Amino acid sequence: MADSFSKKENFKKKLQKQKEKTMRREERKESNDKGKSLDDMIMYVDAYGQFTTTPPDKNDRIDVDLDSIQLGAAPREAEEIVKIGIVTFLSEKGYGFITAETLKDNIFFHSNNCAEMVKKGNKVSFEIERSPKGLTAVDIRVIR
């Protein structure tokens, strides 16, 4: 069975669009600036930190100590290992919370981590460990 006139026309239009699309793709490939050689991409940094294509003068050159360059995040100051806080809650089941003076957060503790018996309102020293459920206090000692 022969195709109708409109089917043939639609098929011709479809082929024409595919040809135009491949032509546009080829043109984009030809005029693409990506993948330039390294000689085309040489950039310099001037004294003000701006990129420029002109090399600096020999007199303006500044030597930089490579060991003084720090990569990554800024260094964190070392925190004190032993912290001080007050027992704000103590359960009969053997757990409680300490409010740290520096953190102002409640830190969970269990009586198994206490070196001596603690009571609500005691001033204690402790160390912090990270557990799967958050921060926990360990090595808890009462300050007298």
N, C-alpha and C. Protein backbone atom coordinates (compact mmCIF):
# COMPACT_ATOMS: atom_id res chain seq x y z
N MET A 1 0.84 -1.17 0.00
CA MET A 1 0.00 0.00 0.00
C MET A 1 0.88 1.24 0.00
N ALA A 2 0.58 2.15 -0.84
CA ALA A 2 1.39 3.36 -1.00
C ALA A 2 1.07 4.37 0.08
N ASP A 3 2.12 5.17 0.44
CA ASP A 3 1.91 6.21 1.45
C ASP A 3 1.16 7.37 0.85
N SER A 4 0.43 8.06 1.68
CA SER A 4 -0.31 9.23 1.21
C SER A 4 0.66 10.39 1.01
N PHE A 5 0.18 11.41 0.35
CA PHE A 5 0.99 12.58 0.04
C PHE A 5 1.48 13.25 1.33
N SER A 6 0.60 13.39 2.34
CA SER A 6 0.98 14.08 3.57
C SER A 6 2.03 13.28 4.35
N LYS A 7 1.97 11.95 4.31
CA LYS A 7 2.98 11.15 4.99
C LYS A 7 4.34 11.35 4.35
N LYS A 8 4.37 11.42 3.01
CA LYS A 8 5.63 11.64 2.32
C LYS A 8 6.19 13.00 2.65
N GLU A 9 5.33 13.99 2.69
CA GLU A 9 5.78 15.35 3.02
C GLU A 9 6.32 15.42 4.46
N ASN A 10 5.62 14.79 5.37
CA ASN A 10 6.08 14.79 6.77
C ASN A 10 7.43 14.07 6.89
N PHE A 11 7.60 12.98 6.15
CA PHE A 11 8.86 12.25 6.17
C PHE A 11 10.00 13.09 5.61
N LYS A 12 9.72 13.85 4.53
CA LYS A 12 10.73 14.74 3.94
C LYS A 12 11.11 15.85 4.93
N LYS A 13 10.12 16.41 5.63
CA LYS A 13 10.38 17.46 6.61
C LYS A 13 11.24 16.92 7.76
N LYS A 14 10.94 15.70 8.18
CA LYS A 14 11.70 15.09 9.26
C LYS A 14 13.16 14.89 8.87
N LEU A 15 13.38 14.39 7.65
CA LEU A 15 14.75 14.22 7.16
C LEU A 15 15.48 15.55 7.06
N GLN A 16 14.77 16.58 6.58
CA GLN A 16 15.37 17.91 6.44
C GLN A 16 15.77 18.45 7.82
N LYS A 17 14.92 18.27 8.84
CA LYS A 17 15.25 18.73 10.19
C LYS A 17 16.47 18.00 10.74
N GLN A 18 16.58 16.69 10.49
CA GLN A 18 17.74 15.93 10.94
C GLN A 18 19.02 16.43 10.29
N LYS A 19 18.95 16.74 8.99
CA LYS A 19 20.13 17.28 8.29
C LYS A 19 20.54 18.62 8.86
N GLU A 20 19.54 19.49 9.11
CA GLU A 20 19.85 20.81 9.67
C GLU A 20 20.47 20.67 11.07
N LYS A 21 19.97 19.73 11.84
CA LYS A 21 20.49 19.52 13.18
C LYS A 21 21.95 19.05 13.14
N THR A 22 22.26 18.14 12.24
CA THR A 22 23.64 17.67 12.12
C THR A 22 24.55 18.79 11.62
N MET A 23 24.04 19.64 10.73
CA MET A 23 24.83 20.79 10.25
C MET A 23 25.14 21.74 11.40
N ARG A 24 24.13 22.05 12.24
CA ARG A 24 24.35 22.94 13.38
C ARG A 24 25.35 22.33 14.36
N ARG A 25 25.26 21.03 14.57
CA ARG A 25 26.18 20.34 15.46
C ARG A 25 27.61 20.45 14.95
N GLU A 26 27.80 20.27 13.66
CA GLU A 26 29.12 20.38 13.06
C GLU A 26 29.66 21.80 13.17
N GLU A 27 28.80 22.79 12.98
CA GLU A 27 29.23 24.19 13.11
C GLU A 27 29.68 24.49 14.54
N ARG A 28 28.94 23.97 15.50
CA ARG A 28 29.34 24.18 16.90
C ARG A 28 30.68 23.54 17.20
N LYS A 29 30.91 22.36 16.63
CA LYS A 29 32.19 21.70 16.85
C LYS A 29 33.33 22.50 16.25
N GLU A 30 33.12 23.08 15.09
CA GLU A 30 34.17 23.87 14.42
C GLU A 30 34.48 25.15 15.17
N SER A 31 33.45 25.81 15.70
CA SER A 31 33.67 27.10 16.36
C SER A 31 33.85 26.96 17.87
N ASN A 32 34.06 25.76 18.35
CA ASN A 32 34.21 25.51 19.78
C ASN A 32 35.57 26.02 20.27
N ASP A 33 35.56 26.72 21.41
CA ASP A 33 36.80 27.24 21.98
C ASP A 33 37.39 26.30 23.03
N LYS A 34 36.67 25.25 23.34
CA LYS A 34 37.16 24.32 24.36
C LYS A 34 38.35 23.54 23.82
N GLY A 35 39.20 23.12 24.72
CA GLY A 35 40.34 22.32 24.33
C GLY A 35 41.46 23.10 23.67
N LYS A 36 41.59 24.38 24.05
CA LYS A 36 42.68 25.18 23.50
C LYS A 36 44.01 24.62 23.98
N SER A 37 45.03 24.96 23.28
CA SER A 37 46.36 24.53 23.71
C SER A 37 46.79 25.35 24.92
N LEU A 38 47.77 24.87 25.64
CA LEU A 38 48.22 25.56 26.84
C LEU A 38 48.84 26.92 26.53
N ASP A 39 49.40 27.05 25.34
CA ASP A 39 50.00 28.33 24.97
C ASP A 39 48.95 29.44 24.90
N ASP A 40 47.74 29.10 24.52
CA ASP A 40 46.68 30.10 24.42
C ASP A 40 46.12 30.48 25.79
N MET A 41 46.33 29.63 26.79
CA MET A 41 45.70 29.85 28.08
C MET A 41 46.65 30.37 29.15
N ILE A 42 47.85 30.77 28.83
CA ILE A 42 48.80 31.24 29.83
C ILE A 42 48.28 32.54 30.44
N MET A 43 48.15 32.52 31.77
CA MET A 43 47.67 33.68 32.50
C MET A 43 48.66 33.99 33.61
N TYR A 44 48.73 35.25 34.00
CA TYR A 44 49.60 35.69 35.07
C TYR A 44 48.74 36.43 36.09
N VAL A 45 49.26 36.55 37.29
CA VAL A 45 48.58 37.29 38.34
C VAL A 45 49.42 38.52 38.64
N ASP A 46 48.77 39.70 38.60
CA ASP A 46 49.51 40.93 38.88
C ASP A 46 49.60 41.15 40.38
N ALA A 47 50.19 42.28 40.78
CA ALA A 47 50.41 42.59 42.18
C ALA A 47 49.11 42.76 42.96
N TYR A 48 48.01 43.01 42.27
CA TYR A 48 46.72 43.22 42.92
C TYR A 48 45.86 41.95 42.92
N GLY A 49 46.42 40.85 42.45
CA GLY A 49 45.69 39.59 42.44
C GLY A 49 44.77 39.41 41.25
N GLN A 50 44.89 40.26 40.23
CA GLN A 50 44.05 40.17 39.05
C GLN A 50 44.76 39.35 37.97
N PHE A 51 43.97 38.60 37.19
CA PHE A 51 44.55 37.84 36.09
C PHE A 51 44.86 38.75 34.92
N THR A 52 45.98 38.50 34.28
CA THR A 52 46.38 39.28 33.12
C THR A 52 47.15 38.37 32.16
N THR A 53 47.22 38.77 30.90
CA THR A 53 47.93 37.96 29.91
C THR A 53 49.37 38.41 29.74
N THR A 54 49.72 39.58 30.29
CA THR A 54 51.09 40.08 30.16
C THR A 54 51.93 39.58 31.34
N PRO A 55 53.11 39.08 31.05
CA PRO A 55 53.95 38.59 32.16
C PRO A 55 54.46 39.75 33.00
N PRO A 56 54.73 39.50 34.28
CA PRO A 56 55.22 40.57 35.14
C PRO A 56 56.67 40.91 34.82
N ASP A 57 57.07 42.12 35.20
CA ASP A 57 58.46 42.52 35.03
C ASP A 57 59.33 41.71 35.99
N LYS A 58 60.58 41.55 35.63
CA LYS A 58 61.50 40.81 36.49
C LYS A 58 61.69 41.51 37.82
N ASN A 59 61.60 42.85 37.84
CA ASN A 59 61.79 43.62 39.07
C ASN A 59 60.59 43.50 40.01
N ASP A 60 59.41 43.28 39.45
CA ASP A 60 58.19 43.22 40.25
C ASP A 60 57.93 41.83 40.83
N ARG A 61 58.75 40.90 40.49
CA ARG A 61 58.53 39.52 40.89
C ARG A 61 58.71 39.37 42.41
N ILE A 62 57.78 38.63 43.02
CA ILE A 62 57.83 38.40 44.46
C ILE A 62 57.99 36.91 44.69
N ASP A 63 59.01 36.54 45.47
CA ASP A 63 59.20 35.13 45.79
C ASP A 63 58.32 34.76 46.97
N VAL A 64 57.69 33.61 46.87
CA VAL A 64 56.78 33.14 47.91
C VAL A 64 57.33 31.85 48.48
N ASP A 65 57.33 31.76 49.80
CA ASP A 65 57.76 30.54 50.47
C ASP A 65 56.62 29.52 50.35
N LEU A 66 56.87 28.43 49.67
CA LEU A 66 55.82 27.45 49.43
C LEU A 66 55.34 26.79 50.71
N ASP A 67 56.17 26.72 51.72
CA ASP A 67 55.75 26.10 52.98
C ASP A 67 54.77 26.97 53.74
N SER A 68 54.73 28.28 53.43
CA SER A 68 53.82 29.17 54.15
C SER A 68 52.41 29.14 53.57
N ILE A 69 52.22 28.50 52.42
CA ILE A 69 50.89 28.42 51.80
C ILE A 69 50.12 27.31 52.49
N GLN A 70 48.89 27.65 52.92
CA GLN A 70 48.06 26.67 53.60
C GLN A 70 46.90 26.30 52.69
N LEU A 71 46.76 25.04 52.42
CA LEU A 71 45.67 24.55 51.60
C LEU A 71 44.57 24.00 52.50
N GLY A 72 43.34 24.17 52.07
CA GLY A 72 42.21 23.62 52.82
C GLY A 72 41.65 24.62 53.79
N ALA A 73 40.93 24.12 54.76
CA ALA A 73 40.25 24.95 55.74
C ALA A 73 41.24 25.58 56.72
N ALA A 74 40.82 26.65 57.34
CA ALA A 74 41.66 27.31 58.33
C ALA A 74 41.87 26.38 59.51
N PRO A 75 43.02 26.44 60.12
CA PRO A 75 43.28 25.54 61.26
C PRO A 75 42.38 25.88 62.44
N ARG A 76 41.93 24.85 63.11
CA ARG A 76 41.11 25.06 64.29
C ARG A 76 42.02 25.10 65.51
N GLU A 77 41.65 25.96 66.42
CA GLU A 77 42.42 26.05 67.65
C GLU A 77 42.16 24.80 68.48
N ALA A 78 43.17 24.35 69.15
CA ALA A 78 43.02 23.15 69.97
C ALA A 78 42.10 23.45 71.15
N GLU A 79 41.11 22.60 71.32
CA GLU A 79 40.19 22.78 72.43
C GLU A 79 40.76 22.12 73.67
N GLU A 80 40.35 22.64 74.80
CA GLU A 80 40.77 22.00 76.03
C GLU A 80 40.08 20.64 76.13
N ILE A 81 40.82 19.65 76.55
CA ILE A 81 40.30 18.29 76.58
C ILE A 81 39.33 18.11 77.74
N VAL A 82 39.71 18.56 78.92
CA VAL A 82 38.86 18.42 80.09
C VAL A 82 37.97 19.65 80.20
N LYS A 83 36.67 19.42 80.27
CA LYS A 83 35.71 20.52 80.36
C LYS A 83 35.07 20.51 81.74
N ILE A 84 34.45 21.62 82.09
CA ILE A 84 33.81 21.75 83.39
C ILE A 84 32.35 22.09 83.17
N GLY A 85 31.49 21.50 84.01
CA GLY A 85 30.06 21.76 83.89
C GLY A 85 29.34 21.40 85.16
N ILE A 86 28.02 21.54 85.13
CA ILE A 86 27.18 21.27 86.29
C ILE A 86 26.16 20.22 85.92
N VAL A 87 25.96 19.25 86.79
CA VAL A 87 24.96 18.20 86.56
C VAL A 87 23.59 18.85 86.72
N THR A 88 22.81 18.90 85.64
CA THR A 88 21.50 19.56 85.68
C THR A 88 20.35 18.58 85.82
N PHE A 89 20.58 17.33 85.46
CA PHE A 89 19.53 16.32 85.56
C PHE A 89 20.18 14.99 85.87
N LEU A 90 19.57 14.25 86.78
CA LEU A 90 20.08 12.92 87.12
C LEU A 90 18.88 12.01 87.35
N SER A 91 18.81 10.93 86.60
CA SER A 91 17.71 9.99 86.70
C SER A 91 18.06 8.87 87.67
N GLU A 92 17.03 8.24 88.21
CA GLU A 92 17.24 7.10 89.08
C GLU A 92 17.77 5.90 88.30
N LYS A 93 17.58 5.92 87.01
CA LYS A 93 18.02 4.81 86.15
C LYS A 93 19.52 4.86 85.88
N GLY A 94 20.18 5.96 86.22
CA GLY A 94 21.63 6.00 86.09
C GLY A 94 22.15 6.88 84.97
N TYR A 95 21.31 7.68 84.35
CA TYR A 95 21.79 8.60 83.32
C TYR A 95 21.42 10.01 83.71
N GLY A 96 22.04 10.97 83.03
CA GLY A 96 21.74 12.36 83.31
C GLY A 96 22.34 13.27 82.26
N PHE A 97 22.29 14.57 82.56
CA PHE A 97 22.82 15.56 81.63
C PHE A 97 23.68 16.55 82.38
N ILE A 98 24.74 16.98 81.71
CA ILE A 98 25.65 17.98 82.24
C ILE A 98 25.58 19.20 81.33
N THR A 99 25.46 20.38 81.92
CA THR A 99 25.51 21.61 81.14
C THR A 99 26.94 22.14 81.23
N ALA A 100 27.63 22.15 80.10
CA ALA A 100 29.02 22.61 80.07
C ALA A 100 29.06 24.13 80.14
N GLU A 101 30.07 24.66 80.82
CA GLU A 101 30.19 26.11 80.95
C GLU A 101 30.52 26.77 79.62
N THR A 102 31.39 26.14 78.84
CA THR A 102 31.82 26.76 77.59
C THR A 102 30.85 26.47 76.45
N LEU A 103 30.20 25.31 76.44
CA LEU A 103 29.34 24.93 75.32
C LEU A 103 27.90 25.40 75.49
N LYS A 104 27.43 25.52 76.73
CA LYS A 104 26.04 25.87 77.02
C LYS A 104 25.08 24.86 76.41
N ASP A 105 25.55 23.63 76.19
CA ASP A 105 24.73 22.55 75.68
C ASP A 105 24.61 21.49 76.76
N ASN A 106 23.52 20.72 76.69
CA ASN A 106 23.37 19.58 77.59
C ASN A 106 24.07 18.39 76.98
N ILE A 107 24.92 17.76 77.77
CA ILE A 107 25.69 16.61 77.30
C ILE A 107 25.26 15.40 78.12
N PHE A 108 24.89 14.36 77.43
CA PHE A 108 24.42 13.13 78.07
C PHE A 108 25.56 12.42 78.78
N PHE A 109 25.24 11.78 79.92
CA PHE A 109 26.22 10.91 80.56
C PHE A 109 25.49 9.75 81.21
N HIS A 110 26.21 8.69 81.46
CA HIS A 110 25.68 7.53 82.17
C HIS A 110 26.54 7.31 83.40
N SER A 111 25.93 6.78 84.44
CA SER A 111 26.67 6.63 85.70
C SER A 111 27.84 5.66 85.57
N ASN A 112 27.83 4.81 84.54
CA ASN A 112 28.98 3.92 84.32
C ASN A 112 30.24 4.71 83.95
N ASN A 113 30.07 5.93 83.42
CA ASN A 113 31.21 6.75 83.00
C ASN A 113 31.70 7.67 84.12
N CYS A 114 31.09 7.56 85.31
CA CYS A 114 31.49 8.41 86.44
C CYS A 114 32.54 7.69 87.27
N ALA A 115 33.60 8.42 87.63
CA ALA A 115 34.64 7.86 88.48
C ALA A 115 34.17 7.80 89.93
N GLU A 116 33.24 8.69 90.31
CA GLU A 116 32.69 8.72 91.67
C GLU A 116 31.21 9.11 91.57
N MET A 117 30.48 8.94 92.66
CA MET A 117 29.05 9.25 92.66
C MET A 117 28.83 10.75 92.45
N VAL A 118 27.88 11.08 91.58
CA VAL A 118 27.53 12.48 91.35
C VAL A 118 26.09 12.70 91.73
N LYS A 119 25.77 13.94 92.07
CA LYS A 119 24.40 14.33 92.42
C LYS A 119 24.03 15.54 91.59
N LYS A 120 22.73 15.81 91.52
CA LYS A 120 22.24 16.97 90.78
C LYS A 120 22.81 18.23 91.43
N GLY A 121 23.35 19.12 90.60
CA GLY A 121 23.92 20.37 91.09
C GLY A 121 25.42 20.30 91.34
N ASN A 122 26.03 19.14 91.25
CA ASN A 122 27.48 19.01 91.44
C ASN A 122 28.23 19.65 90.28
N LYS A 123 29.34 20.29 90.62
CA LYS A 123 30.24 20.80 89.59
C LYS A 123 31.21 19.69 89.26
N VAL A 124 31.31 19.35 87.97
CA VAL A 124 32.11 18.19 87.57
C VAL A 124 33.06 18.56 86.44
N SER A 125 34.12 17.78 86.33
CA SER A 125 35.01 17.87 85.17
C SER A 125 34.81 16.60 84.36
N PHE A 126 34.90 16.71 83.04
CA PHE A 126 34.62 15.57 82.18
C PHE A 126 35.28 15.76 80.83
N GLU A 127 35.32 14.68 80.08
CA GLU A 127 35.79 14.72 78.69
C GLU A 127 34.62 14.37 77.79
N ILE A 128 34.66 14.85 76.57
CA ILE A 128 33.56 14.63 75.63
C ILE A 128 33.99 13.63 74.56
N GLU A 129 33.10 12.69 74.28
CA GLU A 129 33.28 11.75 73.17
C GLU A 129 32.06 11.83 72.28
N ARG A 130 32.27 11.53 71.01
CA ARG A 130 31.15 11.51 70.08
C ARG A 130 30.65 10.07 69.97
N SER A 131 29.36 9.91 70.20
CA SER A 131 28.74 8.59 70.09
C SER A 131 27.78 8.61 68.90
N PRO A 132 27.22 7.47 68.53
CA PRO A 132 26.28 7.46 67.39
C PRO A 132 25.06 8.36 67.62
N LYS A 133 24.71 8.59 68.87
CA LYS A 133 23.52 9.42 69.16
C LYS A 133 23.88 10.86 69.51
N GLY A 134 25.14 11.22 69.52
CA GLY A 134 25.53 12.60 69.83
C GLY A 134 26.70 12.62 70.79
N LEU A 135 26.86 13.76 71.47
CA LEU A 135 27.98 13.92 72.41
C LEU A 135 27.66 13.23 73.73
N THR A 136 28.64 12.56 74.30
CA THR A 136 28.49 11.95 75.62
C THR A 136 29.69 12.34 76.47
N ALA A 137 29.44 12.45 77.78
CA ALA A 137 30.51 12.78 78.72
C ALA A 137 31.08 11.50 79.31
N VAL A 138 32.41 11.46 79.40
CA VAL A 138 33.09 10.31 79.99
C VAL A 138 34.12 10.82 81.00
N ASP A 139 34.60 9.92 81.83
CA ASP A 139 35.61 10.23 82.85
C ASP A 139 35.15 11.42 83.69
N ILE A 140 33.97 11.28 84.29
CA ILE A 140 33.35 12.37 85.05
C ILE A 140 33.85 12.33 86.48
N ARG A 141 34.33 13.49 86.97
CA ARG A 141 34.84 13.60 88.33
C ARG A 141 34.24 14.86 88.98
N VAL A 142 33.88 14.71 90.26
CA VAL A 142 33.32 15.84 91.01
C VAL A 142 34.46 16.79 91.39
N ILE A 143 34.22 18.08 91.21
CA ILE A 143 35.20 19.11 91.60
C ILE A 143 34.81 19.61 92.99
N ARG A 144 35.74 19.55 93.90
CA ARG A 144 35.45 19.99 95.28
C ARG A 144 36.13 21.29 95.57
